[in-house]
Amino acid sequence: MRRTMTVILALSVWATGAAAQAAATEPDGAALYRQHCRSCHGAKGTPPARMVTVYPALTAFGDLAADSIVAVLRHGKGKDMKAFADRLSPAEMQAVAAYIKTFGASAPPGS
């Protein structure tokens, strides 16, 4: 009985540590968005009027599906939105897309 309890305790400690390590290694979509996207796309996905004057084709993207957001991050869009495939891992792109989806429907650019 004592050996069984020791094994159960060891397994629960291992499982707790593994779960904590997995959570610690998941990319932080909010931090990545602030670092790479916010300056052009705004704090909540609506580009500031100043950026729309610099990049007239700049659009809000909250209405896009997550896989479409990842595709834009991976490949870029037009001449102004550069690809991020060399700067973000696939998991980081997914995390950014998931964070963007928390914005909900986007307001028109510059509003």
C-alpha atoms as a PDB file:
ATOM      1  CA  MET A   1       0.000   0.000   0.000  1.00  0.00           C
ATOM      2  CA  ARG A   2       2.783   2.389   0.903  1.00  0.00           C
ATOM      3  CA  ARG A   3       4.564   1.718  -2.414  1.00  0.00           C
ATOM      4  CA  THR A   4       1.334   2.402  -4.320  1.00  0.00           C
ATOM      5  CA  MET A   5       0.899   5.744  -2.540  1.00  0.00           C
ATOM      6  CA  THR A   6       4.505   6.665  -3.324  1.00  0.00           C
ATOM      7  CA  VAL A   7       3.986   5.870  -7.006  1.00  0.00           C
ATOM      8  CA  ILE A   8       0.724   7.867  -7.113  1.00  0.00           C
ATOM      9  CA  LEU A   9       2.395  10.823  -5.402  1.00  0.00           C
ATOM     10  CA  ALA A  10       5.368  10.694  -7.790  1.00  0.00           C
ATOM     11  CA  LEU A  11       3.067  10.560 -10.825  1.00  0.00           C
ATOM     12  CA  SER A  12       0.986  13.497  -9.638  1.00  0.00           C
ATOM     13  CA  VAL A  13       4.114  15.581  -9.001  1.00  0.00           C
ATOM     14  CA  TRP A  14       5.405  14.695 -12.477  1.00  0.00           C
ATOM     15  CA  ALA A  15       2.041  15.523 -14.100  1.00  0.00           C
ATOM     16  CA  THR A  16       1.840  18.875 -12.324  1.00  0.00           C
ATOM     17  CA  GLY A  17       5.373  19.764 -13.414  1.00  0.00           C
ATOM     18  CA  ALA A  18       4.709  18.690 -17.000  1.00  0.00           C
ATOM     19  CA  ALA A  19       1.521  20.766 -17.156  1.00  0.00           C
ATOM     20  CA  ALA A  20       3.305  23.808 -15.751  1.00  0.00           C
ATOM     21  CA  GLN A  21       6.156  23.401 -18.225  1.00  0.00           C
ATOM     22  CA  ALA A  22       3.724  23.081 -21.160  1.00  0.00           C
ATOM     23  CA  ALA A  23       1.888  26.226 -20.069  1.00  0.00           C
ATOM     24  CA  ALA A  24       5.171  28.100 -19.710  1.00  0.00           C
ATOM     25  CA  THR A  25       6.253  27.231 -23.240  1.00  0.00           C
ATOM     26  CA  GLU A  26       3.016  28.271 -24.980  1.00  0.00           C
ATOM     27  CA  PRO A  27       3.538  31.517 -26.896  1.00  0.00           C
ATOM     28  CA  ASP A  28       1.941  34.672 -25.478  1.00  0.00           C
ATOM     29  CA  GLY A  29      -0.201  35.988 -28.346  1.00  0.00           C
ATOM     30  CA  ALA A  30      -0.855  39.316 -26.618  1.00  0.00           C
ATOM     31  CA  ALA A  31       2.841  40.012 -26.066  1.00  0.00           C
ATOM     32  CA  LEU A  32       3.703  38.995 -29.624  1.00  0.00           C
ATOM     33  CA  TYR A  33       0.927  41.227 -31.000  1.00  0.00           C
ATOM     34  CA  ARG A  34       2.203  44.187 -28.969  1.00  0.00           C
ATOM     35  CA  GLN A  35       5.749  43.554 -30.213  1.00  0.00           C
ATOM     36  CA  HIS A  36       5.061  42.980 -33.911  1.00  0.00           C
ATOM     37  CA  CYS A  37       1.595  44.284 -34.852  1.00  0.00           C
ATOM     38  CA  ARG A  38       0.317  47.008 -32.560  1.00  0.00           C
ATOM     39  CA  SER A  39       2.193  49.950 -34.051  1.00  0.00           C
ATOM     40  CA  CYS A  40       0.414  49.588 -37.397  1.00  0.00           C
ATOM     41  CA  HIS A  41      -2.781  47.733 -36.518  1.00  0.00           C
ATOM     42  CA  GLY A  42      -3.656  49.479 -33.255  1.00  0.00           C
ATOM     43  CA  ALA A  43      -4.063  48.196 -29.725  1.00  0.00           C
ATOM     44  CA  LYS A  44      -7.267  46.305 -30.503  1.00  0.00           C
ATOM     45  CA  GLY A  45      -6.946  45.675 -34.234  1.00  0.00           C
ATOM     46  CA  THR A  46      -8.235  48.982 -35.549  1.00  0.00           C
ATOM     47  CA  PRO A  47      -5.464  50.883 -37.345  1.00  0.00           C
ATOM     48  CA  PRO A  48      -4.958  54.455 -36.113  1.00  0.00           C
ATOM     49  CA  ALA A  49      -5.836  57.183 -38.614  1.00  0.00           C
ATOM     50  CA  ARG A  50      -2.153  58.180 -38.816  1.00  0.00           C
ATOM     51  CA  MET A  51      -1.191  54.695 -40.034  1.00  0.00           C
ATOM     52  CA  VAL A  52      -4.049  54.615 -42.555  1.00  0.00           C
ATOM     53  CA  THR A  53      -2.663  57.806 -44.113  1.00  0.00           C
ATOM     54  CA  VAL A  54       0.793  56.194 -44.372  1.00  0.00           C
ATOM     55  CA  TYR A  55      -0.553  52.829 -45.589  1.00  0.00           C
ATOM     56  CA  PRO A  56      -3.891  53.449 -47.344  1.00  0.00           C
ATOM     57  CA  ALA A  57      -4.419  49.717 -47.959  1.00  0.00           C
ATOM     58  CA  LEU A  58      -4.108  48.965 -44.218  1.00  0.00           C
ATOM     59  CA  THR A  59      -7.215  47.195 -43.026  1.00  0.00           C
ATOM     60  CA  ALA A  60      -8.682  45.948 -39.785  1.00  0.00           C
ATOM     61  CA  PHE A  61      -8.561  42.185 -39.506  1.00  0.00           C
ATOM     62  CA  GLY A  62     -10.755  41.178 -36.582  1.00  0.00           C
ATOM     63  CA  ASP A  63     -13.360  39.777 -38.967  1.00  0.00           C
ATOM     64  CA  LEU A  64     -10.921  37.332 -40.595  1.00  0.00           C
ATOM     65  CA  ALA A  65     -10.842  33.662 -39.644  1.00  0.00           C
ATOM     66  CA  ALA A  66      -7.844  32.606 -37.545  1.00  0.00           C
ATOM     67  CA  ASP A  67      -6.384  30.549 -40.409  1.00  0.00           C
ATOM     68  CA  SER A  68      -6.616  33.591 -42.686  1.00  0.00           C
ATOM     69  CA  ILE A  69      -4.778  35.702 -40.124  1.00  0.00           C
ATOM     70  CA  VAL A  70      -2.054  33.050 -39.918  1.00  0.00           C
ATOM     71  CA  ALA A  71      -1.789  33.013 -43.727  1.00  0.00           C
ATOM     72  CA  VAL A  72      -1.305  36.801 -43.790  1.00  0.00           C
ATOM     73  CA  LEU A  73       1.321  36.550 -41.053  1.00  0.00           C
ATOM     74  CA  ARG A  74       3.106  33.764 -42.905  1.00  0.00           C
ATOM     75  CA  HIS A  75       3.022  35.255 -46.420  1.00  0.00           C
ATOM     76  CA  GLY A  76       2.436  38.973 -45.922  1.00  0.00           C
ATOM     77  CA  LYS A  77      -0.060  41.003 -47.914  1.00  0.00           C
ATOM     78  CA  GLY A  78       0.707  43.422 -50.695  1.00  0.00           C
ATOM     79  CA  LYS A  79       3.879  45.477 -50.650  1.00  0.00           C
ATOM     80  CA  ASP A  80       3.437  46.982 -47.187  1.00  0.00           C
ATOM     81  CA  MET A  81       2.604  43.963 -44.984  1.00  0.00           C
ATOM     82  CA  LYS A  82       5.773  41.910 -44.870  1.00  0.00           C
ATOM     83  CA  ALA A  83       5.771  38.194 -44.110  1.00  0.00           C
ATOM     84  CA  PHE A  84       6.550  37.131 -40.558  1.00  0.00           C
ATOM     85  CA  ALA A  85       7.512  33.530 -41.370  1.00  0.00           C
ATOM     86  CA  ASP A  86      11.142  34.351 -40.603  1.00  0.00           C
ATOM     87  CA  ARG A  87      10.310  36.073 -37.294  1.00  0.00           C
ATOM     88  CA  LEU A  88       7.457  34.015 -35.822  1.00  0.00           C
ATOM     89  CA  SER A  89       7.104  30.262 -35.448  1.00  0.00           C
ATOM     90  CA  PRO A  90       3.880  28.563 -36.562  1.00  0.00           C
ATOM     91  CA  ALA A  91       2.850  28.260 -32.894  1.00  0.00           C
ATOM     92  CA  GLU A  92       3.499  31.976 -32.340  1.00  0.00           C
ATOM     93  CA  MET A  93       1.440  32.873 -35.422  1.00  0.00           C
ATOM     94  CA  GLN A  94      -1.420  30.739 -34.089  1.00  0.00           C
ATOM     95  CA  ALA A  95      -1.144  32.490 -30.720  1.00  0.00           C
ATOM     96  CA  VAL A  96      -1.261  35.932 -32.366  1.00  0.00           C
ATOM     97  CA  ALA A  97      -4.285  34.885 -34.446  1.00  0.00           C
ATOM     98  CA  ALA A  98      -6.068  33.574 -31.344  1.00  0.00           C
ATOM     99  CA  TYR A  99      -5.350  36.849 -29.545  1.00  0.00           C
ATOM    100  CA  ILE A 100      -6.632  38.888 -32.496  1.00  0.00           C
ATOM    101  CA  LYS A 101      -9.849  36.863 -32.476  1.00  0.00           C
ATOM    102  CA  THR A 102     -10.502  38.171 -28.940  1.00  0.00           C
ATOM    103  CA  PHE A 103     -10.943  41.657 -30.437  1.00  0.00           C
ATOM    104  CA  GLY A 104     -14.291  40.762 -32.022  1.00  0.00           C
ATOM    105  CA  ALA A 105     -15.602  42.587 -35.066  1.00  0.00           C
ATOM    106  CA  SER A 106     -13.371  45.421 -36.201  1.00  0.00           C
ATOM    107  CA  ALA A 107     -14.342  49.048 -36.546  1.00  0.00           C
ATOM    108  CA  PRO A 108     -13.518  50.774 -39.832  1.00  0.00           C
ATOM    109  CA  PRO A 109      -9.848  51.807 -40.119  1.00  0.00           C
ATOM    110  CA  GLY A 110      -8.974  55.216 -38.737  1.00  0.00           C
ATOM    111  CA  SER A 111     -11.968  55.402 -36.419  1.00  0.00           C
END
